[in-house]
Amino acid sequence: MSIRYDGKVAIVTGAGQGLGRSHAIELAKRGAKVVVNDLGVSKDGVGANSEAALAVVAEIEAFGGEAMANGANVADFAQVEAMVADTMARWGRIDILVNNAGILRDKSFSKGPMDDFRLVVDVHLMGTVYCTKACWEIMKEQEYGRIVVTTSSSGLYGNFGQSNYGAAKMGVVGMMNTLAQEGGKYNVRINALAPTAGTRMTEGLLPDDAFDLLTPETVSPAVLFLVSEDAPTRTILAAGAGAFAVAKIVETTGMWLSQEDQTPEGIAANWSTISEGGETALNAGFEQSFKMVSQAMAGLGIAQE
């Protein structure tokens, strides 16, 4: 079965080069009309020009695709709303949103200025929030939407010198988890991509032979799957060098402690049982509350209905 996007309209942010460029081109090759959004800044967020976005549009048009360039700053909600309005004016719908735009300001937490921390969070987290918010009601009303947020191993697992980036990248996962619930009945599905790619964001951080394997084109198939009609929702899909895996946030079974053991010493004495075994991926926050109350009621001998 071939996955196509004929008649679908996609917005890809940060699409002037690297991963975003690859995502935009591959969507267009499969029939999507694509908004190529790019502010044209350097990897640390400095400067702005439209050359990169226009070049990608030219590439898409060269093979018969349809695209338009847009230079909105995703960290500015008014500019994002204008981008969405322009898209609706031209094509009348928005089916796919790929939140890819980002910058880096890598420094250890001790040395990193708070202004840099705020800027990275504004672009990665609030930029994703703004773009998603601007498209959300449109997708709900048309009862169709596919959204990708871009997380990172830095957020899921941590990376030295990337506390700002990691905080933002874990933040988009939290947003995804809730919006998957809120959008479900409207056929709006939202997933997270955790990419590993050799781009200007990772240049100099990886050995040359590894860098050469980690092309953006080996990541884009994951995006195309996550925005397809039969896509999952609330999934974190890791991709790089042609390898794919699903990351999950899990919780151990844990245990209820009697009242006299509900102390730090009691937790320490039972740490191996609390911290190991029965790892399960919960589907919603209330499931944790339900599990712990159930354990408490069982421990206290209270009948559960």
Protein backbone atom coordinates (compact mmCIF):
# COMPACT_ATOMS: atom_id res chain seq x y z
CA MET A 1 0.00 0.00 0.00
CA SER A 2 1.43 3.34 -1.08
CA ILE A 3 1.19 6.24 1.38
CA ARG A 4 0.19 9.43 -0.40
CA TYR A 5 -0.86 12.97 0.57
CA ASP A 6 -2.78 14.04 -2.51
CA GLY A 7 -5.16 16.89 -1.64
CA LYS A 8 -3.43 17.43 1.71
CA VAL A 9 -1.80 20.68 2.82
CA ALA A 10 1.28 20.54 5.05
CA ILE A 11 3.21 23.16 6.99
CA VAL A 12 6.81 22.27 7.79
CA THR A 13 8.70 24.69 10.04
CA GLY A 14 12.45 25.16 9.81
CA ALA A 15 12.24 23.66 6.32
CA GLY A 16 14.97 25.67 4.64
CA GLN A 17 17.63 23.03 5.16
CA GLY A 18 18.50 19.84 7.03
CA LEU A 19 15.67 17.73 8.38
CA GLY A 20 12.93 20.22 7.57
CA ARG A 21 13.99 20.52 3.95
CA SER A 22 13.98 16.74 3.61
CA HIS A 23 10.54 16.43 5.25
CA ALA A 24 9.07 19.12 2.98
CA ILE A 25 10.48 17.65 -0.22
CA GLU A 26 9.37 14.11 0.59
CA LEU A 27 5.85 15.26 1.47
CA ALA A 28 5.64 17.18 -1.80
CA LYS A 29 6.90 14.19 -3.80
CA ARG A 30 3.92 12.24 -2.46
CA GLY A 31 1.38 14.85 -3.43
CA ALA A 32 1.15 17.29 -0.51
CA LYS A 33 1.00 21.03 -1.02
CA VAL A 34 3.71 22.34 1.30
CA VAL A 35 4.34 25.56 3.18
CA VAL A 36 8.12 25.79 3.49
CA ASN A 37 8.57 27.86 6.63
CA ASP A 38 12.04 29.10 7.48
CA LEU A 39 13.23 32.24 9.22
CA GLY A 40 16.65 31.82 7.64
CA VAL A 41 18.70 32.14 10.83
CA SER A 42 21.99 30.50 11.75
CA LYS A 43 21.92 27.44 14.02
CA ASP A 44 22.18 29.70 17.08
CA GLY A 45 19.23 31.82 15.95
CA VAL A 46 21.08 34.83 14.52
CA GLY A 47 20.12 36.66 11.30
CA ALA A 48 17.18 36.11 8.97
CA ASN A 49 16.65 35.76 5.22
CA SER A 50 14.27 33.96 2.86
CA GLU A 51 16.80 32.44 0.47
CA ALA A 52 16.76 28.95 2.00
CA ALA A 53 12.95 28.62 1.96
CA LEU A 54 12.72 29.93 -1.61
CA ALA A 55 15.38 27.46 -2.73
CA VAL A 56 13.38 24.54 -1.32
CA VAL A 57 10.22 25.82 -3.01
CA ALA A 58 12.15 25.93 -6.29
CA GLU A 59 13.28 22.33 -5.77
CA ILE A 60 9.69 21.21 -5.18
CA GLU A 61 8.35 23.12 -8.17
CA ALA A 62 11.09 21.65 -10.36
CA PHE A 63 9.63 18.16 -10.00
CA GLY A 64 6.05 19.37 -10.42
CA GLY A 65 5.13 19.85 -6.80
CA GLU A 66 3.31 22.79 -5.25
CA ALA A 67 4.80 24.85 -2.44
CA MET A 68 5.00 28.33 -0.97
CA ALA A 69 7.72 29.94 1.14
CA ASN A 70 7.02 31.60 4.47
CA GLY A 71 9.43 33.44 6.75
CA ALA A 72 7.41 33.52 9.98
CA ASN A 73 9.31 33.37 13.26
CA VAL A 74 7.67 30.46 15.09
CA ALA A 75 8.43 32.14 18.42
CA ASP A 76 6.12 35.03 17.47
CA PHE A 77 2.45 34.00 17.69
CA ALA A 78 1.23 36.89 15.51
CA GLN A 79 3.58 35.84 12.71
CA VAL A 80 2.49 32.22 13.07
CA GLU A 81 -1.18 33.20 12.87
CA ALA A 82 -0.43 35.20 9.72
CA MET A 83 1.32 32.18 8.19
CA VAL A 84 -1.71 30.00 8.90
CA ALA A 85 -4.06 32.67 7.49
CA ASP A 86 -1.97 32.88 4.30
CA THR A 87 -2.08 29.09 3.98
CA MET A 88 -5.84 29.01 4.40
CA ALA A 89 -6.26 31.83 1.89
CA ARG A 90 -4.30 29.93 -0.73
CA TRP A 91 -5.35 26.32 -0.14
CA GLY A 92 -8.34 26.40 2.22
CA ARG A 93 -7.21 23.74 4.66
CA ILE A 94 -4.29 22.50 6.77
CA ASP A 95 -3.95 18.75 7.22
CA ILE A 96 -0.38 18.29 8.38
CA LEU A 97 1.89 20.27 10.70
CA VAL A 98 5.50 19.26 11.20
CA ASN A 99 7.08 21.27 14.03
CA ASN A 100 10.75 21.12 13.15
CA ALA A 101 12.20 24.63 13.62
CA GLY A 102 14.92 24.96 16.22
CA ILE A 103 18.15 26.58 17.35
CA LEU A 104 21.02 25.65 19.65
CA ARG A 105 22.72 27.59 22.44
CA ASP A 106 24.78 24.79 23.99
CA LYS A 107 26.54 25.54 27.27
CA SER A 108 26.77 23.84 30.64
CA PHE A 109 24.08 24.93 33.08
CA SER A 110 26.69 26.73 35.17
CA LYS A 111 27.87 28.85 32.23
CA GLY A 112 24.70 29.29 30.21
CA PRO A 113 22.96 32.70 30.42
CA MET A 114 19.27 32.67 31.26
CA ASP A 115 18.56 34.71 28.13
CA ASP A 116 19.88 31.80 26.04
CA PHE A 117 17.78 29.33 28.02
CA ARG A 118 14.67 31.42 27.44
CA LEU A 119 15.40 31.81 23.72
CA VAL A 120 15.83 28.07 23.16
CA VAL A 121 12.61 27.33 25.06
CA ASP A 122 10.78 30.05 23.13
CA VAL A 123 11.77 28.60 19.77
CA HIS A 124 11.49 24.87 20.45
CA LEU A 125 8.66 24.70 22.97
CA MET A 126 6.65 27.87 22.50
CA GLY A 127 7.23 27.76 18.73
CA THR A 128 5.67 24.30 18.71
CA VAL A 129 2.85 25.51 20.93
CA TYR A 130 2.13 28.54 18.74
CA CYS A 131 2.11 26.61 15.46
CA THR A 132 -0.04 23.85 16.91
CA LYS A 133 -2.46 26.32 18.50
CA ALA A 134 -2.84 28.24 15.24
CA CYS A 135 -3.76 25.04 13.36
CA TRP A 136 -5.71 23.28 16.12
CA GLU A 137 -9.24 24.60 15.57
CA ILE A 138 -8.88 24.28 11.80
CA MET A 139 -8.00 20.61 12.15
CA LYS A 140 -10.78 19.99 14.65
CA GLU A 141 -13.40 21.61 12.44
CA GLN A 142 -12.37 19.63 9.37
CA GLU A 143 -12.09 16.51 11.58
CA TYR A 144 -8.67 15.68 10.25
CA GLY A 145 -5.20 16.62 11.39
CA ARG A 146 -1.77 15.07 11.72
CA ILE A 147 0.81 16.85 13.87
CA VAL A 148 4.43 16.00 14.57
CA VAL A 149 6.45 17.59 17.36
CA THR A 150 10.20 17.15 17.32
CA THR A 151 11.68 15.89 20.56
CA SER A 152 15.24 14.69 21.09
CA SER A 153 17.35 12.17 22.96
CA SER A 154 18.63 15.24 24.82
CA GLY A 155 15.16 15.68 26.30
CA LEU A 156 14.37 12.00 26.75
CA TYR A 157 17.73 10.99 28.21
CA GLY A 158 19.88 14.10 28.70
CA ASN A 159 23.00 15.48 27.02
CA PHE A 160 25.78 17.47 28.66
CA GLY A 161 25.52 21.16 27.85
CA GLN A 162 21.94 20.97 26.59
CA SER A 163 19.78 21.67 29.65
CA ASN A 164 17.92 24.41 27.75
CA TYR A 165 17.39 22.27 24.65
CA GLY A 166 16.54 19.18 26.69
CA ALA A 167 13.96 21.02 28.78
CA ALA A 168 12.23 22.32 25.65
CA LYS A 169 12.36 18.95 23.92
CA MET A 170 10.79 17.15 26.86
CA GLY A 171 8.19 19.90 27.09
CA VAL A 172 6.84 19.10 23.62
CA VAL A 173 6.33 15.48 24.70
CA GLY A 174 4.19 16.62 27.61
CA MET A 175 2.10 18.72 25.26
CA MET A 176 1.75 15.81 22.85
CA ASN A 177 0.55 13.47 25.59
CA THR A 178 -2.35 15.77 26.44
CA LEU A 179 -3.27 16.89 22.91
CA ALA A 180 -3.49 13.25 21.80
CA GLN A 181 -6.36 12.92 24.28
CA GLU A 182 -8.01 16.23 23.40
CA GLY A 183 -7.78 15.70 19.65
CA GLY A 184 -8.73 12.04 19.50
CA LYS A 185 -12.46 12.40 18.89
CA TYR A 186 -11.80 14.92 16.10
CA ASN A 187 -9.41 12.59 14.23
CA VAL A 188 -6.49 14.85 15.10
CA ARG A 189 -3.47 12.70 15.85
CA ILE A 190 -0.19 13.96 17.28
CA ASN A 191 3.13 12.19 17.59
CA ALA A 192 6.74 12.97 18.41
CA LEU A 193 9.83 12.42 16.29
CA ALA A 194 13.17 11.85 18.06
CA PRO A 195 15.64 12.26 15.19
CA THR A 196 19.35 11.61 14.93
CA ALA A 197 20.72 13.24 11.82
CA GLY A 198 23.90 14.73 10.44
CA THR A 199 22.84 18.35 10.02
CA ARG A 200 24.36 21.74 10.86
CA MET A 201 22.94 21.20 14.38
CA THR A 202 25.14 18.10 14.88
CA GLU A 203 28.10 18.96 12.66
CA GLY A 204 31.34 18.65 14.60
CA LEU A 205 29.71 16.54 17.31
CA LEU A 206 29.88 13.22 15.45
CA PRO A 207 32.68 11.29 13.71
CA ASP A 208 32.71 11.77 9.94
CA ASP A 209 31.76 8.16 9.15
CA ALA A 210 28.77 8.32 11.51
CA PHE A 211 27.81 11.78 10.25
CA ASP A 212 27.71 10.43 6.69
CA LEU A 213 25.23 7.68 7.67
CA LEU A 214 22.93 10.04 9.55
CA THR A 215 21.41 11.80 6.58
CA PRO A 216 18.13 13.73 6.94
CA GLU A 217 16.68 11.50 4.23
CA THR A 218 16.98 8.47 6.55
CA VAL A 219 14.80 10.26 9.13
CA SER A 220 12.02 11.64 6.93
CA PRO A 221 10.28 8.27 6.39
CA ALA A 222 9.40 8.39 10.10
CA VAL A 223 7.72 11.77 9.67
CA LEU A 224 5.84 10.59 6.59
CA PHE A 225 4.53 7.61 8.56
CA LEU A 226 3.53 9.75 11.55
CA VAL A 227 1.46 12.12 9.36
CA SER A 228 -0.22 9.42 7.27
CA GLU A 229 -3.94 8.69 7.45
CA ASP A 230 -3.34 5.49 9.44
CA ALA A 231 -0.77 7.04 11.76
CA PRO A 232 -0.70 6.17 15.46
CA THR A 233 -1.12 8.89 18.06
CA ARG A 234 0.86 9.75 21.20
CA THR A 235 3.91 7.85 19.95
CA ILE A 236 7.58 8.80 20.22
CA LEU A 237 9.34 7.46 17.13
CA ALA A 238 13.13 7.58 17.11
CA ALA A 239 14.86 7.58 13.73
CA GLY A 240 18.37 7.82 12.35
CA ALA A 241 20.62 6.21 9.72
CA GLY A 242 17.67 4.09 8.53
CA ALA A 243 17.02 2.62 11.99
CA PHE A 244 13.73 3.17 13.83
CA ALA A 245 12.56 2.55 17.40
CA VAL A 246 9.74 3.60 19.71
CA ALA A 247 10.66 5.33 22.97
CA LYS A 248 8.29 4.88 25.90
CA ILE A 249 7.90 6.50 29.30
CA VAL A 250 7.20 3.68 31.73
CA GLU A 251 6.35 3.35 35.41
CA THR A 252 7.18 0.45 37.71
CA THR A 253 4.44 -1.42 39.53
CA GLY A 254 5.68 0.08 42.79
CA MET A 255 4.17 -0.78 46.14
CA TRP A 256 2.03 0.59 48.93
CA LEU A 257 3.74 1.20 52.26
CA SER A 258 1.93 0.86 55.55
CA GLN A 259 1.41 4.09 57.49
CA GLU A 260 4.39 3.48 59.77
CA ASP A 261 6.60 2.89 56.70
CA GLN A 262 5.47 6.00 54.83
CA THR A 263 8.76 7.69 55.66
CA PRO A 264 11.98 8.32 53.76
CA GLU A 265 13.47 5.40 55.70
CA GLY A 266 10.59 3.19 54.59
CA ILE A 267 11.14 4.16 50.96
CA ALA A 268 14.88 3.44 51.31
CA ALA A 269 14.19 0.01 52.86
CA ASN A 270 11.87 -0.94 50.00
CA TRP A 271 13.71 0.80 47.19
CA SER A 272 14.44 -2.30 45.11
CA THR A 273 10.73 -3.21 44.99
CA ILE A 274 9.66 0.37 44.33
CA SER A 275 12.21 1.01 41.57
CA GLU A 276 12.17 -2.28 39.68
CA GLY A 277 9.69 -4.56 37.96
CA GLY A 278 6.42 -4.39 36.06
CA GLU A 279 7.36 -1.43 33.88
CA THR A 280 4.22 -0.26 32.09
CA ALA A 281 3.52 2.67 29.77
CA LEU A 282 0.53 4.55 31.17
CA ASN A 283 -1.95 6.14 28.79
CA ALA A 284 -3.00 9.13 30.92
CA GLY A 285 -2.05 10.87 34.14
CA PHE A 286 -5.15 9.69 36.00
CA GLU A 287 -4.02 6.07 35.56
CA GLN A 288 -1.14 6.72 37.97
CA SER A 289 -3.56 8.10 40.57
CA PHE A 290 -5.91 5.16 40.09
CA LYS A 291 -3.06 2.67 40.46
CA MET A 292 -1.76 4.21 43.68
CA VAL A 293 -5.20 4.57 45.25
CA SER A 294 -5.96 0.94 44.35
CA GLN A 295 -2.73 -0.20 45.98
CA ALA A 296 -3.53 1.83 49.09
CA MET A 297 -7.08 0.45 49.32
CA ALA A 298 -5.80 -3.10 48.94
CA GLY A 299 -3.18 -2.52 51.60
CA LEU A 300 -5.77 -1.07 53.98
CA GLY A 301 -8.26 -3.83 53.29
CA ILE A 302 -10.85 -1.50 51.74
CA ALA A 303 -13.15 -3.20 49.25
CA GLN A 304 -12.96 -1.82 45.73
CA GLU A 305 -16.03 -1.62 43.55
